[in-house]
Protein backbone atom coordinates (compact mmCIF):
# COMPACT_ATOMS: atom_id res chain seq x y z
CA MET A 1 0.02 -0.02 0.00
CA ILE A 2 1.44 3.28 -1.03
CA LEU A 3 0.28 6.00 1.25
CA ASN A 4 -0.88 8.78 -0.99
CA SER A 5 -3.86 11.08 -0.85
CA GLU A 6 -6.14 8.52 -2.49
CA SER A 7 -5.19 5.62 -0.22
CA VAL A 8 -5.31 7.78 2.92
CA GLU A 9 -8.74 9.02 1.90
CA LEU A 10 -9.90 5.43 1.54
CA ILE A 11 -8.50 4.59 4.96
CA ARG A 12 -10.17 7.65 6.45
CA ALA A 13 -13.58 6.70 5.02
CA ASN A 14 -13.20 3.09 6.24
CA ALA A 15 -11.99 4.24 9.63
CA HIS A 16 -15.05 6.43 10.04
CA ARG A 17 -17.28 3.48 9.12
CA LEU A 18 -15.36 1.28 11.54
CA ALA A 19 -15.73 3.78 14.38
CA GLN A 20 -19.50 3.79 13.78
CA ALA A 21 -19.63 -0.03 13.81
CA ILE A 22 -17.62 -0.84 16.91
CA ARG A 23 -19.08 -0.63 20.39
CA SER A 24 -15.93 0.28 22.32
CA LYS A 25 -12.18 0.70 21.97
CA ASP A 26 -11.82 -2.86 23.25
CA ASP A 27 -13.21 -4.05 19.91
CA LEU A 28 -9.94 -2.83 18.33
CA VAL A 29 -7.59 -4.72 20.64
CA ASP A 30 -6.92 -7.59 18.21
CA LEU A 31 -6.12 -5.11 15.42
CA ALA A 32 -4.04 -2.86 17.63
CA THR A 33 -1.90 -5.76 18.96
CA ALA A 34 -1.51 -7.60 15.67
CA SER A 35 2.18 -8.12 14.90
CA SER A 36 1.99 -9.90 11.59
CA PHE A 37 0.05 -9.68 8.36
CA GLU A 38 -1.87 -12.84 9.26
CA GLN A 39 -2.95 -11.38 12.63
CA VAL A 40 -4.09 -8.15 10.99
CA PHE A 41 -6.09 -10.10 8.50
CA SER A 42 -7.55 -12.21 11.28
CA ALA A 43 -8.47 -9.08 13.28
CA ILE A 44 -10.17 -7.56 10.20
CA GLU A 45 -12.06 -10.84 9.74
CA THR A 46 -13.23 -10.70 13.39
CA ILE A 47 -14.42 -7.09 12.92
CA LEU A 48 -16.32 -8.03 9.80
CA THR A 49 -17.87 -11.04 11.52
CA ASN A 50 -18.91 -9.22 14.69
CA THR A 51 -20.18 -5.97 13.23
CA GLU A 52 -21.92 -4.62 10.18
CA MET A 53 -18.65 -3.07 9.13
CA TYR A 54 -17.32 -3.49 5.62
CA PHE A 55 -14.11 -2.33 4.05
CA ASP A 56 -13.87 -0.97 0.53
CA ASP A 57 -12.45 -3.55 -1.90
CA ASN A 58 -10.05 -0.93 -3.24
CA LEU A 59 -8.60 -0.67 0.21
CA LEU A 60 -8.26 -4.36 0.89
CA ILE A 61 -6.64 -4.98 -2.49
CA GLN A 62 -3.78 -2.68 -1.40
CA LEU A 63 -3.24 -4.65 1.82
CA ASP A 64 -0.28 -7.07 1.47
CA VAL A 65 2.59 -8.55 3.41
CA GLN A 66 4.84 -5.55 2.91
CA THR A 67 2.34 -2.81 3.65
CA TRP A 68 0.22 -4.08 6.52
CA GLN A 69 2.01 -2.00 9.17
CA SER A 70 1.31 1.30 7.44
CA PHE A 71 -2.26 0.25 6.80
CA LYS A 72 -2.80 -0.76 10.44
CA ALA A 73 -1.23 2.34 11.84
CA VAL A 74 -3.19 4.77 9.71
CA LEU A 75 -6.45 2.89 10.12
CA LEU A 76 -6.11 2.77 13.93
CA VAL A 77 -5.15 6.44 14.19
CA TYR A 78 -8.15 7.58 12.19
CA THR A 79 -10.52 5.14 13.88
CA LEU A 80 -9.48 6.03 17.37
CA ASN A 81 -9.70 9.73 16.52
CA VAL A 82 -13.34 9.30 15.47
CA VAL A 83 -14.15 7.13 18.54
CA ASN A 84 -12.54 9.67 20.91
CA ARG A 85 -14.43 12.53 19.25
CA GLN A 86 -17.70 10.59 19.72
CA ILE A 87 -16.84 9.91 23.38
CA ASN A 88 -16.02 13.56 24.04
CA ILE A 89 -19.24 14.74 22.37
CA ALA A 90 -21.25 12.32 24.50
CA ARG A 91 -19.48 13.49 27.66
CA GLU A 92 -20.09 17.15 26.80
CA ASN A 93 -23.78 16.38 26.16
CA ASP A 94 -24.08 14.59 29.49
CA PHE A 95 -22.32 17.46 31.29
CA ASN A 96 -24.55 20.07 29.64
CA GLN A 97 -27.69 18.09 30.55
CA GLN A 98 -26.47 17.72 34.16
CA VAL A 99 -25.76 21.47 34.40
CA GLY A 100 -29.20 22.16 32.96
CA ARG A 101 -30.83 19.89 35.50
CA ASP A 102 -28.83 21.39 38.38
CA PHE A 103 -29.66 24.90 37.28
CA GLY A 104 -33.34 24.02 36.90
CA ALA A 105 -33.47 22.43 40.33
CA SER A 106 -31.76 25.35 42.03
CA SER A 107 -33.92 27.99 40.29
CA THR A 108 -37.17 26.26 41.38
CA ASN A 109 -36.09 26.45 45.03
CA LEU A 110 -35.91 30.21 44.92
């Protein structure tokens, strides 16, 4: 896999889809700890089996024994970025709702 703007854009799109499909960061452990092409492929197979995720064929065609480390690194970085963004948005929403409830409760006691 040659990392160029086209391949990185493919990875970015697939990472976004993956982030939407997984339920937690723990779902990425097998992929994150994979240390060989076979383990990466097995981790991808597990993700495909356990979620509604799918990877673009153009992306998987570029995955081979020489390039799996670049593929894995970029895919994980983009995926974790999206997951962390979703977690932070959820936390902010929870905080804002809590502040709204606290404010509403204190203003009714006046």
